[in-house]
N, C-alpha and C. Protein backbone atom coordinates (compact mmCIF):
# COMPACT_ATOMS: atom_id res chain seq x y z
N MET A 1 -8.53 0.09 -24.50
CA MET A 1 -9.97 0.36 -24.52
C MET A 1 -10.66 -0.58 -23.54
N LYS A 2 -11.22 -0.01 -22.45
CA LYS A 2 -11.84 -0.83 -21.43
C LYS A 2 -13.32 -0.99 -21.70
N THR A 3 -13.80 -2.21 -21.58
CA THR A 3 -15.24 -2.45 -21.62
C THR A 3 -15.69 -2.89 -20.23
N TYR A 4 -16.94 -2.68 -19.94
CA TYR A 4 -17.47 -2.97 -18.61
C TYR A 4 -18.58 -4.01 -18.72
N PRO A 5 -18.65 -4.93 -17.78
CA PRO A 5 -19.77 -5.88 -17.77
C PRO A 5 -21.11 -5.21 -17.46
N LEU A 6 -21.05 -4.07 -16.73
CA LEU A 6 -22.28 -3.40 -16.30
C LEU A 6 -22.18 -1.90 -16.55
N TYR A 7 -23.16 -1.38 -17.30
CA TYR A 7 -23.26 0.05 -17.55
C TYR A 7 -24.52 0.56 -16.86
N LEU A 8 -24.33 1.54 -15.98
CA LEU A 8 -25.44 2.18 -15.29
C LEU A 8 -25.60 3.60 -15.81
N PHE A 9 -26.85 4.05 -15.89
CA PHE A 9 -27.13 5.37 -16.45
C PHE A 9 -28.11 6.14 -15.57
N ASP A 10 -27.94 7.45 -15.55
CA ASP A 10 -29.00 8.34 -15.13
C ASP A 10 -30.04 8.33 -16.25
N PHE A 11 -31.18 8.98 -16.04
CA PHE A 11 -32.24 8.98 -17.05
C PHE A 11 -32.43 10.35 -17.70
N ASP A 12 -33.01 11.30 -16.98
CA ASP A 12 -33.28 12.62 -17.55
C ASP A 12 -31.99 13.34 -17.92
N TYR A 13 -31.97 13.89 -19.14
CA TYR A 13 -30.82 14.62 -19.69
C TYR A 13 -29.62 13.72 -19.99
N THR A 14 -29.72 12.41 -19.67
CA THR A 14 -28.66 11.47 -20.01
C THR A 14 -29.10 10.56 -21.14
N LEU A 15 -30.20 9.86 -20.95
CA LEU A 15 -30.76 9.00 -22.00
C LEU A 15 -31.88 9.70 -22.76
N VAL A 16 -32.57 10.60 -22.08
CA VAL A 16 -33.75 11.25 -22.68
C VAL A 16 -33.71 12.75 -22.45
N ASN A 17 -34.47 13.45 -23.29
CA ASN A 17 -34.73 14.87 -23.08
C ASN A 17 -36.20 15.02 -22.69
N SER A 18 -36.42 15.27 -21.43
CA SER A 18 -37.79 15.45 -20.92
C SER A 18 -38.04 16.90 -20.52
N GLU A 19 -37.17 17.77 -20.99
CA GLU A 19 -37.22 19.16 -20.55
C GLU A 19 -38.56 19.82 -20.81
N SER A 20 -39.09 19.70 -22.02
CA SER A 20 -40.35 20.38 -22.36
C SER A 20 -41.50 19.89 -21.49
N ALA A 21 -41.53 18.60 -21.22
CA ALA A 21 -42.60 18.04 -20.39
C ALA A 21 -42.47 18.50 -18.94
N ILE A 22 -41.25 18.50 -18.42
CA ILE A 22 -41.04 18.95 -17.04
C ILE A 22 -41.42 20.41 -16.90
N LEU A 23 -41.00 21.23 -17.85
CA LEU A 23 -41.35 22.66 -17.80
C LEU A 23 -42.86 22.85 -17.82
N LYS A 24 -43.53 22.13 -18.70
CA LYS A 24 -44.99 22.25 -18.80
C LYS A 24 -45.65 21.88 -17.48
N CYS A 25 -45.24 20.78 -16.90
CA CYS A 25 -45.85 20.33 -15.65
C CYS A 25 -45.59 21.32 -14.52
N PHE A 26 -44.39 21.88 -14.46
CA PHE A 26 -44.10 22.85 -13.41
C PHE A 26 -44.89 24.14 -13.60
N HIS A 27 -44.94 24.65 -14.81
CA HIS A 27 -45.66 25.91 -15.04
C HIS A 27 -47.14 25.76 -14.71
N ILE A 28 -47.73 24.63 -15.10
CA ILE A 28 -49.15 24.40 -14.80
C ILE A 28 -49.37 24.29 -13.29
N THR A 29 -48.49 23.55 -12.63
CA THR A 29 -48.66 23.35 -11.19
C THR A 29 -48.42 24.64 -10.41
N LEU A 30 -47.45 25.42 -10.84
CA LEU A 30 -47.22 26.72 -10.19
C LEU A 30 -48.47 27.60 -10.29
N ALA A 31 -49.09 27.59 -11.45
CA ALA A 31 -50.31 28.39 -11.64
C ALA A 31 -51.44 27.85 -10.77
N GLU A 32 -51.58 26.53 -10.71
CA GLU A 32 -52.66 25.92 -9.94
C GLU A 32 -52.51 26.16 -8.44
N THR A 33 -51.28 26.21 -7.98
CA THR A 33 -51.04 26.34 -6.54
C THR A 33 -50.85 27.78 -6.09
N GLY A 34 -50.76 28.70 -7.03
CA GLY A 34 -50.65 30.11 -6.68
C GLY A 34 -49.25 30.60 -6.40
N TYR A 35 -48.25 29.76 -6.62
CA TYR A 35 -46.87 30.22 -6.45
C TYR A 35 -46.46 31.06 -7.67
N PRO A 36 -45.51 31.97 -7.49
CA PRO A 36 -45.03 32.75 -8.64
C PRO A 36 -44.42 31.83 -9.70
N ASP A 37 -44.64 32.17 -10.96
CA ASP A 37 -44.04 31.38 -12.04
C ASP A 37 -42.53 31.58 -12.02
N ARG A 38 -41.81 30.62 -12.58
CA ARG A 38 -40.35 30.68 -12.62
C ARG A 38 -39.87 30.61 -14.06
N GLN A 39 -38.70 31.18 -14.29
CA GLN A 39 -38.10 31.13 -15.62
C GLN A 39 -37.75 29.69 -15.98
N ASP A 40 -37.82 29.36 -17.26
CA ASP A 40 -37.46 28.01 -17.71
C ASP A 40 -36.07 27.62 -17.23
N ALA A 41 -35.13 28.54 -17.33
CA ALA A 41 -33.74 28.22 -16.97
C ALA A 41 -33.63 27.84 -15.50
N ASP A 42 -34.42 28.48 -14.64
CA ASP A 42 -34.38 28.16 -13.21
C ASP A 42 -34.90 26.74 -12.96
N ILE A 43 -35.97 26.39 -13.67
CA ILE A 43 -36.54 25.04 -13.52
C ILE A 43 -35.57 23.99 -14.06
N CYS A 44 -34.98 24.27 -15.20
CA CYS A 44 -34.06 23.30 -15.82
C CYS A 44 -32.88 22.98 -14.92
N GLN A 45 -32.44 23.95 -14.12
CA GLN A 45 -31.32 23.71 -13.22
C GLN A 45 -31.63 22.67 -12.16
N THR A 46 -32.92 22.39 -11.94
CA THR A 46 -33.30 21.42 -10.91
C THR A 46 -33.54 20.02 -11.47
N ILE A 47 -33.52 19.87 -12.79
CA ILE A 47 -33.78 18.56 -13.39
C ILE A 47 -32.68 17.58 -12.99
N GLY A 48 -33.08 16.45 -12.48
CA GLY A 48 -32.13 15.44 -12.01
C GLY A 48 -31.99 15.42 -10.51
N LEU A 49 -32.43 16.49 -9.84
CA LEU A 49 -32.41 16.49 -8.38
C LEU A 49 -33.57 15.65 -7.85
N PRO A 50 -33.46 15.16 -6.61
CA PRO A 50 -34.64 14.55 -6.00
C PRO A 50 -35.81 15.52 -6.06
N MET A 51 -37.00 15.02 -6.32
CA MET A 51 -38.15 15.89 -6.58
C MET A 51 -38.42 16.86 -5.44
N VAL A 52 -38.31 16.40 -4.21
CA VAL A 52 -38.56 17.29 -3.07
C VAL A 52 -37.58 18.46 -3.08
N ASP A 53 -36.31 18.17 -3.36
CA ASP A 53 -35.31 19.23 -3.41
C ASP A 53 -35.58 20.20 -4.56
N ALA A 54 -35.96 19.65 -5.71
CA ALA A 54 -36.26 20.49 -6.86
C ALA A 54 -37.41 21.44 -6.55
N VAL A 55 -38.47 20.89 -5.98
CA VAL A 55 -39.65 21.71 -5.68
C VAL A 55 -39.34 22.77 -4.64
N LYS A 56 -38.56 22.41 -3.63
CA LYS A 56 -38.21 23.41 -2.61
C LYS A 56 -37.48 24.60 -3.24
N ARG A 57 -36.61 24.32 -4.18
CA ARG A 57 -35.91 25.41 -4.86
C ARG A 57 -36.87 26.25 -5.68
N ILE A 58 -37.77 25.59 -6.37
CA ILE A 58 -38.65 26.30 -7.30
C ILE A 58 -39.69 27.14 -6.58
N ILE A 59 -40.23 26.63 -5.47
CA ILE A 59 -41.24 27.41 -4.74
C ILE A 59 -40.62 28.17 -3.57
N ASN A 60 -39.29 28.06 -3.45
CA ASN A 60 -38.53 28.84 -2.47
C ASN A 60 -39.02 28.58 -1.04
N THR A 61 -38.90 27.32 -0.64
CA THR A 61 -39.30 26.94 0.71
C THR A 61 -38.36 25.88 1.25
N THR A 62 -38.34 25.78 2.57
CA THR A 62 -37.64 24.67 3.22
C THR A 62 -38.64 23.72 3.86
N ASP A 63 -39.91 24.00 3.64
CA ASP A 63 -40.99 23.23 4.26
C ASP A 63 -41.30 21.99 3.42
N THR A 64 -40.98 20.82 3.96
CA THR A 64 -41.19 19.58 3.22
C THR A 64 -42.67 19.31 2.98
N VAL A 65 -43.53 19.67 3.92
CA VAL A 65 -44.96 19.45 3.75
C VAL A 65 -45.49 20.26 2.57
N LYS A 66 -45.07 21.50 2.46
CA LYS A 66 -45.49 22.34 1.33
C LYS A 66 -44.98 21.75 0.01
N ALA A 67 -43.75 21.26 0.05
CA ALA A 67 -43.18 20.66 -1.17
C ALA A 67 -43.96 19.41 -1.58
N MET A 68 -44.32 18.58 -0.61
CA MET A 68 -45.07 17.37 -0.91
C MET A 68 -46.47 17.69 -1.42
N ASP A 69 -47.10 18.72 -0.88
CA ASP A 69 -48.41 19.14 -1.39
C ASP A 69 -48.30 19.56 -2.85
N PHE A 70 -47.24 20.26 -3.18
CA PHE A 70 -46.99 20.66 -4.56
C PHE A 70 -46.79 19.44 -5.45
N ILE A 71 -45.99 18.49 -4.96
CA ILE A 71 -45.68 17.29 -5.75
C ILE A 71 -46.94 16.48 -6.05
N ASN A 72 -47.84 16.40 -5.09
CA ASN A 72 -49.07 15.64 -5.31
C ASN A 72 -49.90 16.22 -6.45
N ILE A 73 -49.89 17.53 -6.58
CA ILE A 73 -50.60 18.16 -7.69
C ILE A 73 -49.80 18.01 -8.99
N TYR A 74 -48.49 18.15 -8.89
CA TYR A 74 -47.60 17.99 -10.04
C TYR A 74 -47.76 16.61 -10.67
N LYS A 75 -47.89 15.58 -9.83
CA LYS A 75 -47.99 14.21 -10.33
C LYS A 75 -49.17 14.03 -11.28
N LYS A 76 -50.26 14.72 -11.00
CA LYS A 76 -51.43 14.61 -11.87
C LYS A 76 -51.13 15.16 -13.26
N GLU A 77 -50.37 16.24 -13.31
CA GLU A 77 -49.98 16.79 -14.61
C GLU A 77 -48.95 15.89 -15.30
N ALA A 78 -48.05 15.32 -14.49
CA ALA A 78 -47.05 14.42 -15.06
C ALA A 78 -47.69 13.18 -15.67
N ASP A 79 -48.76 12.71 -15.04
CA ASP A 79 -49.48 11.56 -15.60
C ASP A 79 -50.03 11.89 -16.99
N ARG A 80 -50.36 13.12 -17.21
CA ARG A 80 -50.93 13.55 -18.50
C ARG A 80 -49.87 13.83 -19.55
N TYR A 81 -48.77 14.44 -19.13
CA TYR A 81 -47.85 15.01 -20.12
C TYR A 81 -46.43 14.42 -20.14
N MET A 82 -45.99 13.78 -19.05
CA MET A 82 -44.56 13.48 -18.93
C MET A 82 -44.05 12.50 -19.98
N THR A 83 -44.63 11.32 -20.04
CA THR A 83 -44.08 10.30 -20.93
C THR A 83 -44.20 10.70 -22.40
N ALA A 84 -45.34 11.25 -22.76
CA ALA A 84 -45.52 11.68 -24.16
C ALA A 84 -44.55 12.79 -24.54
N GLY A 85 -44.15 13.60 -23.56
CA GLY A 85 -43.24 14.71 -23.84
C GLY A 85 -41.78 14.39 -23.59
N THR A 86 -41.47 13.12 -23.35
CA THR A 86 -40.10 12.68 -23.12
C THR A 86 -39.58 11.95 -24.35
N HIS A 87 -38.40 12.32 -24.80
CA HIS A 87 -37.86 11.77 -26.07
C HIS A 87 -36.43 11.28 -25.86
N PHE A 88 -36.15 10.10 -26.36
CA PHE A 88 -34.78 9.60 -26.33
C PHE A 88 -33.89 10.52 -27.15
N PHE A 89 -32.68 10.76 -26.65
CA PHE A 89 -31.69 11.48 -27.46
C PHE A 89 -31.40 10.65 -28.72
N PRO A 90 -30.95 11.29 -29.80
CA PRO A 90 -30.83 10.61 -31.10
C PRO A 90 -30.04 9.30 -31.08
N HIS A 91 -29.00 9.20 -30.23
CA HIS A 91 -28.15 8.01 -30.27
C HIS A 91 -28.34 7.09 -29.05
N THR A 92 -29.36 7.33 -28.25
CA THR A 92 -29.56 6.51 -27.05
C THR A 92 -29.86 5.05 -27.39
N ILE A 93 -30.83 4.83 -28.23
CA ILE A 93 -31.24 3.45 -28.54
C ILE A 93 -30.09 2.69 -29.19
N LYS A 94 -29.42 3.32 -30.12
CA LYS A 94 -28.28 2.68 -30.79
C LYS A 94 -27.19 2.33 -29.77
N THR A 95 -26.90 3.24 -28.86
CA THR A 95 -25.84 3.01 -27.88
C THR A 95 -26.20 1.86 -26.95
N LEU A 96 -27.40 1.87 -26.42
CA LEU A 96 -27.81 0.79 -25.52
C LEU A 96 -27.87 -0.55 -26.24
N THR A 97 -28.36 -0.53 -27.47
CA THR A 97 -28.44 -1.77 -28.26
C THR A 97 -27.05 -2.35 -28.50
N THR A 98 -26.10 -1.49 -28.85
CA THR A 98 -24.75 -1.96 -29.14
C THR A 98 -24.08 -2.50 -27.88
N LEU A 99 -24.26 -1.82 -26.76
CA LEU A 99 -23.68 -2.31 -25.51
C LEU A 99 -24.23 -3.69 -25.16
N ARG A 100 -25.52 -3.89 -25.37
CA ARG A 100 -26.12 -5.19 -25.09
C ARG A 100 -25.58 -6.25 -26.05
N GLN A 101 -25.41 -5.88 -27.30
CA GLN A 101 -24.86 -6.82 -28.28
C GLN A 101 -23.44 -7.23 -27.92
N ARG A 102 -22.75 -6.36 -27.22
CA ARG A 102 -21.39 -6.68 -26.77
C ARG A 102 -21.39 -7.52 -25.49
N GLY A 103 -22.57 -7.80 -24.96
CA GLY A 103 -22.67 -8.67 -23.80
C GLY A 103 -22.82 -7.97 -22.47
N ALA A 104 -22.96 -6.65 -22.47
CA ALA A 104 -23.06 -5.90 -21.23
C ALA A 104 -24.48 -5.94 -20.67
N LYS A 105 -24.58 -5.80 -19.36
CA LYS A 105 -25.84 -5.57 -18.68
C LYS A 105 -26.04 -4.07 -18.53
N ILE A 106 -27.32 -3.64 -18.45
CA ILE A 106 -27.60 -2.21 -18.41
C ILE A 106 -28.64 -1.92 -17.33
N GLY A 107 -28.36 -0.90 -16.52
CA GLY A 107 -29.29 -0.47 -15.50
C GLY A 107 -29.44 1.04 -15.48
N ILE A 108 -30.49 1.50 -14.83
CA ILE A 108 -30.75 2.93 -14.69
C ILE A 108 -30.87 3.25 -13.20
N ILE A 109 -30.19 4.33 -12.80
CA ILE A 109 -30.29 4.85 -11.43
C ILE A 109 -30.79 6.29 -11.56
N SER A 110 -31.99 6.56 -11.12
CA SER A 110 -32.60 7.86 -11.38
C SER A 110 -33.39 8.39 -10.20
N SER A 111 -33.53 9.71 -10.17
CA SER A 111 -34.39 10.35 -9.18
C SER A 111 -35.84 10.36 -9.63
N LYS A 112 -36.11 9.86 -10.83
CA LYS A 112 -37.49 9.71 -11.31
C LYS A 112 -38.01 8.34 -10.85
N THR A 113 -39.32 8.19 -10.79
CA THR A 113 -39.87 6.91 -10.35
C THR A 113 -39.62 5.81 -11.38
N ARG A 114 -39.47 4.60 -10.87
CA ARG A 114 -39.22 3.46 -11.75
C ARG A 114 -40.35 3.27 -12.77
N SER A 115 -41.58 3.42 -12.34
CA SER A 115 -42.71 3.19 -13.25
C SER A 115 -42.74 4.19 -14.39
N ARG A 116 -42.36 5.44 -14.10
CA ARG A 116 -42.35 6.47 -15.15
C ARG A 116 -41.28 6.16 -16.19
N ILE A 117 -40.13 5.70 -15.73
CA ILE A 117 -39.05 5.34 -16.66
C ILE A 117 -39.45 4.14 -17.50
N GLN A 118 -40.00 3.12 -16.83
CA GLN A 118 -40.42 1.91 -17.55
C GLN A 118 -41.48 2.25 -18.60
N GLU A 119 -42.36 3.18 -18.26
CA GLU A 119 -43.42 3.58 -19.18
C GLU A 119 -42.84 4.11 -20.49
N LYS A 120 -41.76 4.86 -20.41
CA LYS A 120 -41.13 5.40 -21.63
C LYS A 120 -40.56 4.29 -22.49
N PHE A 121 -39.85 3.34 -21.88
CA PHE A 121 -39.28 2.24 -22.66
C PHE A 121 -40.38 1.38 -23.27
N ASN A 122 -41.46 1.19 -22.54
CA ASN A 122 -42.59 0.43 -23.08
C ASN A 122 -43.24 1.15 -24.26
N LEU A 123 -43.42 2.45 -24.11
CA LEU A 123 -44.07 3.25 -25.16
C LEU A 123 -43.30 3.19 -26.47
N ASP A 124 -41.96 3.17 -26.36
CA ASP A 124 -41.12 3.14 -27.55
C ASP A 124 -40.74 1.72 -27.97
N HIS A 125 -41.38 0.73 -27.34
CA HIS A 125 -41.22 -0.68 -27.71
C HIS A 125 -39.79 -1.19 -27.58
N VAL A 126 -39.08 -0.70 -26.53
CA VAL A 126 -37.71 -1.16 -26.29
C VAL A 126 -37.50 -1.55 -24.82
N PRO A 127 -38.46 -2.25 -24.21
CA PRO A 127 -38.30 -2.58 -22.78
C PRO A 127 -37.15 -3.53 -22.52
N ASP A 128 -36.74 -4.30 -23.50
CA ASP A 128 -35.70 -5.29 -23.29
C ASP A 128 -34.29 -4.68 -23.26
N LEU A 129 -34.18 -3.37 -23.51
CA LEU A 129 -32.86 -2.75 -23.47
C LEU A 129 -32.34 -2.56 -22.05
N ILE A 130 -33.22 -2.63 -21.06
CA ILE A 130 -32.84 -2.36 -19.67
C ILE A 130 -33.06 -3.61 -18.81
N ASP A 131 -32.03 -3.96 -18.05
CA ASP A 131 -32.14 -5.11 -17.15
C ASP A 131 -32.72 -4.75 -15.79
N ARG A 132 -32.46 -3.53 -15.34
CA ARG A 132 -32.91 -3.14 -14.00
C ARG A 132 -33.05 -1.63 -13.92
N ILE A 133 -34.15 -1.16 -13.34
CA ILE A 133 -34.36 0.26 -13.08
C ILE A 133 -34.46 0.45 -11.58
N ILE A 134 -33.65 1.35 -11.04
CA ILE A 134 -33.74 1.73 -9.63
C ILE A 134 -34.12 3.20 -9.60
N GLY A 135 -35.37 3.45 -9.21
CA GLY A 135 -35.89 4.80 -9.21
C GLY A 135 -35.98 5.38 -7.81
N SER A 136 -36.62 6.56 -7.74
CA SER A 136 -36.69 7.28 -6.47
C SER A 136 -37.47 6.51 -5.41
N ASN A 137 -38.39 5.65 -5.86
CA ASN A 137 -39.19 4.88 -4.91
C ASN A 137 -38.49 3.61 -4.44
N ASP A 138 -37.27 3.38 -4.90
CA ASP A 138 -36.53 2.16 -4.55
C ASP A 138 -35.40 2.41 -3.56
N VAL A 139 -35.19 3.66 -3.18
CA VAL A 139 -34.09 4.00 -2.27
C VAL A 139 -34.60 4.86 -1.13
N SER A 140 -33.85 4.87 -0.05
CA SER A 140 -34.19 5.73 1.08
C SER A 140 -33.39 7.02 1.07
N ALA A 141 -32.31 7.04 0.29
CA ALA A 141 -31.46 8.23 0.16
C ALA A 141 -31.15 8.46 -1.31
N PHE A 142 -31.27 9.69 -1.75
CA PHE A 142 -31.11 10.03 -3.16
C PHE A 142 -29.68 10.44 -3.49
N LYS A 143 -29.34 10.39 -4.77
CA LYS A 143 -28.03 10.85 -5.21
C LYS A 143 -27.79 12.28 -4.70
N PRO A 144 -26.59 12.61 -4.24
CA PRO A 144 -25.33 11.87 -4.44
C PRO A 144 -25.06 10.72 -3.48
N ASP A 145 -26.01 10.37 -2.64
CA ASP A 145 -25.84 9.16 -1.84
C ASP A 145 -25.67 7.96 -2.79
N PRO A 146 -24.76 7.05 -2.48
CA PRO A 146 -24.48 5.94 -3.39
C PRO A 146 -25.48 4.78 -3.31
N GLU A 147 -26.55 4.92 -2.53
CA GLU A 147 -27.44 3.78 -2.29
C GLU A 147 -27.95 3.16 -3.58
N GLY A 148 -28.38 3.97 -4.54
CA GLY A 148 -28.92 3.44 -5.78
C GLY A 148 -27.90 2.60 -6.53
N ILE A 149 -26.69 3.11 -6.64
CA ILE A 149 -25.62 2.36 -7.32
C ILE A 149 -25.29 1.10 -6.54
N GLN A 150 -25.26 1.20 -5.23
CA GLN A 150 -24.96 0.03 -4.40
C GLN A 150 -26.03 -1.05 -4.54
N LYS A 151 -27.29 -0.63 -4.63
CA LYS A 151 -28.37 -1.60 -4.85
C LYS A 151 -28.18 -2.30 -6.20
N ALA A 152 -27.74 -1.55 -7.20
CA ALA A 152 -27.48 -2.17 -8.50
C ALA A 152 -26.33 -3.17 -8.41
N MET A 153 -25.29 -2.81 -7.69
CA MET A 153 -24.18 -3.75 -7.48
C MET A 153 -24.67 -5.06 -6.89
N GLN A 154 -25.52 -4.95 -5.88
CA GLN A 154 -26.02 -6.14 -5.22
C GLN A 154 -26.90 -6.97 -6.14
N TRP A 155 -27.78 -6.30 -6.89
CA TRP A 155 -28.71 -7.01 -7.75
C TRP A 155 -27.99 -7.72 -8.89
N PHE A 156 -26.99 -7.02 -9.48
CA PHE A 156 -26.23 -7.60 -10.60
C PHE A 156 -25.07 -8.46 -10.12
N LYS A 157 -24.80 -8.42 -8.80
CA LYS A 157 -23.64 -9.13 -8.24
C LYS A 157 -22.36 -8.68 -8.94
N ALA A 158 -22.21 -7.37 -9.03
CA ALA A 158 -21.08 -6.78 -9.75
C ALA A 158 -20.14 -6.08 -8.78
N ALA A 159 -18.84 -6.16 -9.06
CA ALA A 159 -17.83 -5.45 -8.28
C ALA A 159 -17.73 -4.02 -8.78
N PRO A 160 -17.29 -3.08 -7.94
CA PRO A 160 -17.18 -1.68 -8.37
C PRO A 160 -16.35 -1.49 -9.64
N GLU A 161 -15.28 -2.27 -9.76
CA GLU A 161 -14.40 -2.11 -10.94
C GLU A 161 -15.05 -2.59 -12.23
N ASP A 162 -16.18 -3.26 -12.12
CA ASP A 162 -16.89 -3.76 -13.31
C ASP A 162 -17.99 -2.82 -13.79
N ILE A 163 -18.08 -1.64 -13.16
CA ILE A 163 -19.22 -0.75 -13.41
C ILE A 163 -18.77 0.59 -13.95
N LEU A 164 -19.49 1.07 -14.96
CA LEU A 164 -19.35 2.45 -15.42
C LEU A 164 -20.71 3.13 -15.26
N TYR A 165 -20.72 4.23 -14.52
CA TYR A 165 -21.95 5.01 -14.36
C TYR A 165 -21.85 6.26 -15.20
N THR A 166 -22.88 6.53 -16.00
CA THR A 166 -22.90 7.69 -16.89
C THR A 166 -24.04 8.62 -16.49
N GLY A 167 -23.73 9.90 -16.36
CA GLY A 167 -24.76 10.87 -16.00
C GLY A 167 -24.43 12.26 -16.49
N ASP A 168 -25.41 13.14 -16.40
CA ASP A 168 -25.29 14.50 -16.94
C ASP A 168 -25.09 15.56 -15.86
N SER A 169 -25.11 15.16 -14.58
CA SER A 169 -25.10 16.13 -13.49
C SER A 169 -23.95 15.89 -12.54
N TYR A 170 -23.53 16.99 -11.89
CA TYR A 170 -22.52 16.86 -10.84
C TYR A 170 -23.00 15.93 -9.73
N VAL A 171 -24.32 15.83 -9.55
CA VAL A 171 -24.87 14.90 -8.56
C VAL A 171 -24.54 13.47 -8.93
N ASP A 172 -24.59 13.17 -10.23
CA ASP A 172 -24.22 11.84 -10.70
C ASP A 172 -22.73 11.58 -10.48
N ALA A 173 -21.91 12.59 -10.74
CA ALA A 173 -20.46 12.45 -10.54
C ALA A 173 -20.16 12.16 -9.08
N GLU A 174 -20.84 12.86 -8.18
CA GLU A 174 -20.62 12.65 -6.76
C GLU A 174 -21.11 11.26 -6.33
N ALA A 175 -22.23 10.82 -6.88
CA ALA A 175 -22.75 9.50 -6.53
C ALA A 175 -21.78 8.40 -6.96
N ALA A 176 -21.23 8.52 -8.16
CA ALA A 176 -20.26 7.54 -8.64
C ALA A 176 -19.02 7.53 -7.75
N GLN A 177 -18.56 8.72 -7.40
CA GLN A 177 -17.39 8.83 -6.53
C GLN A 177 -17.66 8.19 -5.17
N ASN A 178 -18.84 8.44 -4.62
CA ASN A 178 -19.19 7.88 -3.31
C ASN A 178 -19.35 6.37 -3.35
N ALA A 179 -19.73 5.85 -4.53
CA ALA A 179 -19.89 4.40 -4.67
C ALA A 179 -18.60 3.70 -5.07
N GLY A 180 -17.59 4.47 -5.46
CA GLY A 180 -16.32 3.88 -5.85
C GLY A 180 -16.33 3.24 -7.22
N VAL A 181 -17.19 3.77 -8.14
CA VAL A 181 -17.25 3.23 -9.50
C VAL A 181 -16.77 4.28 -10.49
N ASP A 182 -16.37 3.83 -11.67
CA ASP A 182 -15.95 4.75 -12.73
C ASP A 182 -17.14 5.59 -13.20
N PHE A 183 -16.82 6.80 -13.67
CA PHE A 183 -17.86 7.73 -14.09
C PHE A 183 -17.53 8.32 -15.45
N ALA A 184 -18.54 8.36 -16.31
CA ALA A 184 -18.44 9.08 -17.59
C ALA A 184 -19.50 10.17 -17.59
N ALA A 185 -19.09 11.38 -17.90
CA ALA A 185 -20.02 12.51 -17.92
C ALA A 185 -20.49 12.77 -19.34
N VAL A 186 -21.73 13.22 -19.45
CA VAL A 186 -22.25 13.65 -20.74
C VAL A 186 -22.84 15.04 -20.54
N THR A 187 -22.52 15.97 -21.44
CA THR A 187 -22.88 17.38 -21.25
C THR A 187 -24.19 17.74 -21.94
N THR A 188 -25.14 16.80 -21.92
CA THR A 188 -26.45 17.06 -22.51
C THR A 188 -27.42 17.65 -21.49
N GLY A 189 -26.95 17.86 -20.27
CA GLY A 189 -27.77 18.50 -19.24
C GLY A 189 -27.31 19.92 -18.98
N THR A 190 -27.36 20.33 -17.72
CA THR A 190 -27.00 21.70 -17.38
C THR A 190 -25.64 21.81 -16.69
N THR A 191 -24.98 20.68 -16.41
CA THR A 191 -23.65 20.70 -15.81
C THR A 191 -22.60 20.80 -16.90
N THR A 192 -21.66 21.72 -16.73
CA THR A 192 -20.66 21.98 -17.76
C THR A 192 -19.47 21.03 -17.64
N ALA A 193 -18.71 20.93 -18.73
CA ALA A 193 -17.49 20.13 -18.71
C ALA A 193 -16.51 20.67 -17.67
N GLU A 194 -16.48 21.97 -17.50
CA GLU A 194 -15.60 22.58 -16.50
C GLU A 194 -15.92 22.06 -15.10
N THR A 195 -17.21 21.96 -14.79
CA THR A 195 -17.60 21.43 -13.49
C THR A 195 -17.24 19.96 -13.37
N PHE A 196 -17.49 19.18 -14.42
CA PHE A 196 -17.17 17.75 -14.37
C PHE A 196 -15.68 17.50 -14.16
N ASN A 197 -14.85 18.42 -14.64
CA ASN A 197 -13.41 18.25 -14.48
C ASN A 197 -12.97 18.24 -13.03
N ARG A 198 -13.84 18.68 -12.13
CA ARG A 198 -13.50 18.70 -10.71
C ARG A 198 -13.69 17.32 -10.06
N TYR A 199 -14.30 16.40 -10.79
CA TYR A 199 -14.62 15.09 -10.24
C TYR A 199 -13.84 14.00 -10.98
N PRO A 200 -13.61 12.86 -10.32
CA PRO A 200 -12.99 11.74 -11.03
C PRO A 200 -13.88 11.31 -12.20
N HIS A 201 -13.27 11.09 -13.35
CA HIS A 201 -14.04 10.66 -14.52
C HIS A 201 -13.09 10.00 -15.51
N ILE A 202 -13.66 9.14 -16.34
CA ILE A 202 -12.84 8.54 -17.38
C ILE A 202 -13.02 9.26 -18.71
N ARG A 203 -14.13 10.01 -18.83
CA ARG A 203 -14.36 10.75 -20.06
C ARG A 203 -15.49 11.76 -19.84
N ILE A 204 -15.38 12.90 -20.52
CA ILE A 204 -16.46 13.88 -20.59
C ILE A 204 -16.91 13.92 -22.04
N MET A 205 -18.17 13.56 -22.27
CA MET A 205 -18.68 13.36 -23.62
C MET A 205 -19.72 14.43 -23.97
N GLN A 206 -19.80 14.73 -25.26
CA GLN A 206 -20.85 15.60 -25.76
C GLN A 206 -22.07 14.79 -26.22
N ASP A 207 -21.85 13.52 -26.47
CA ASP A 207 -22.91 12.65 -26.97
C ASP A 207 -22.73 11.26 -26.38
N ILE A 208 -23.81 10.65 -25.97
CA ILE A 208 -23.73 9.36 -25.28
C ILE A 208 -23.11 8.27 -26.14
N GLN A 209 -23.19 8.39 -27.46
CA GLN A 209 -22.63 7.35 -28.32
C GLN A 209 -21.10 7.27 -28.21
N GLU A 210 -20.48 8.27 -27.62
CA GLU A 210 -19.04 8.22 -27.41
C GLU A 210 -18.66 7.08 -26.46
N LEU A 211 -19.61 6.57 -25.71
CA LEU A 211 -19.35 5.39 -24.87
C LEU A 211 -18.87 4.21 -25.70
N LEU A 212 -19.33 4.14 -26.91
CA LEU A 212 -18.97 2.99 -27.76
C LEU A 212 -17.52 3.03 -28.20
N ASP A 213 -16.86 4.19 -28.00
CA ASP A 213 -15.46 4.33 -28.40
C ASP A 213 -14.51 4.15 -27.24
N LEU A 214 -15.04 3.91 -26.02
CA LEU A 214 -14.16 3.78 -24.86
C LEU A 214 -13.30 2.51 -24.96
């Protein structure tokens, strides 16, 4: 049973379920901007992608300027609804607490902004569970680029073999592979176990608390 000095996590669909809030913000913004509405399932498939990429898929464009205009309006809705509509999965707090009690450091690597993630931990009165958050505003290249994980390595002064990265998306699996760190998949997002089997991994989990049994 291997333990790691450093556990890194994705955020959406890995530690939290923000699906209802994301859907609400997208549907409102689509209506405000005049784009055709999209099915919930189509929007959910983009959760975890860099925001520009997600928006391009949803509004069916390759135009970055149009995507950024959409994002600027989306952000106003996210300020109203995102954090309140984001909920930790049932075993997230227990898992993070136990890992810390075992002496591990914990970080988050996410395509969401650092401030939005921090806001959720503050709201639920558990800011001390996380040592470092690296969000979309902290990197120049998004997952599957390994930059976020590499920045965490530098900040924690950790070697690749000392790190386990856990995420819910094939993008997370690719990022871990590109960074040369171990990866644990959790199927609480939209990526299936079958897809995860195509990538290097130490475990495919149905629930994040399975990390405590590694």
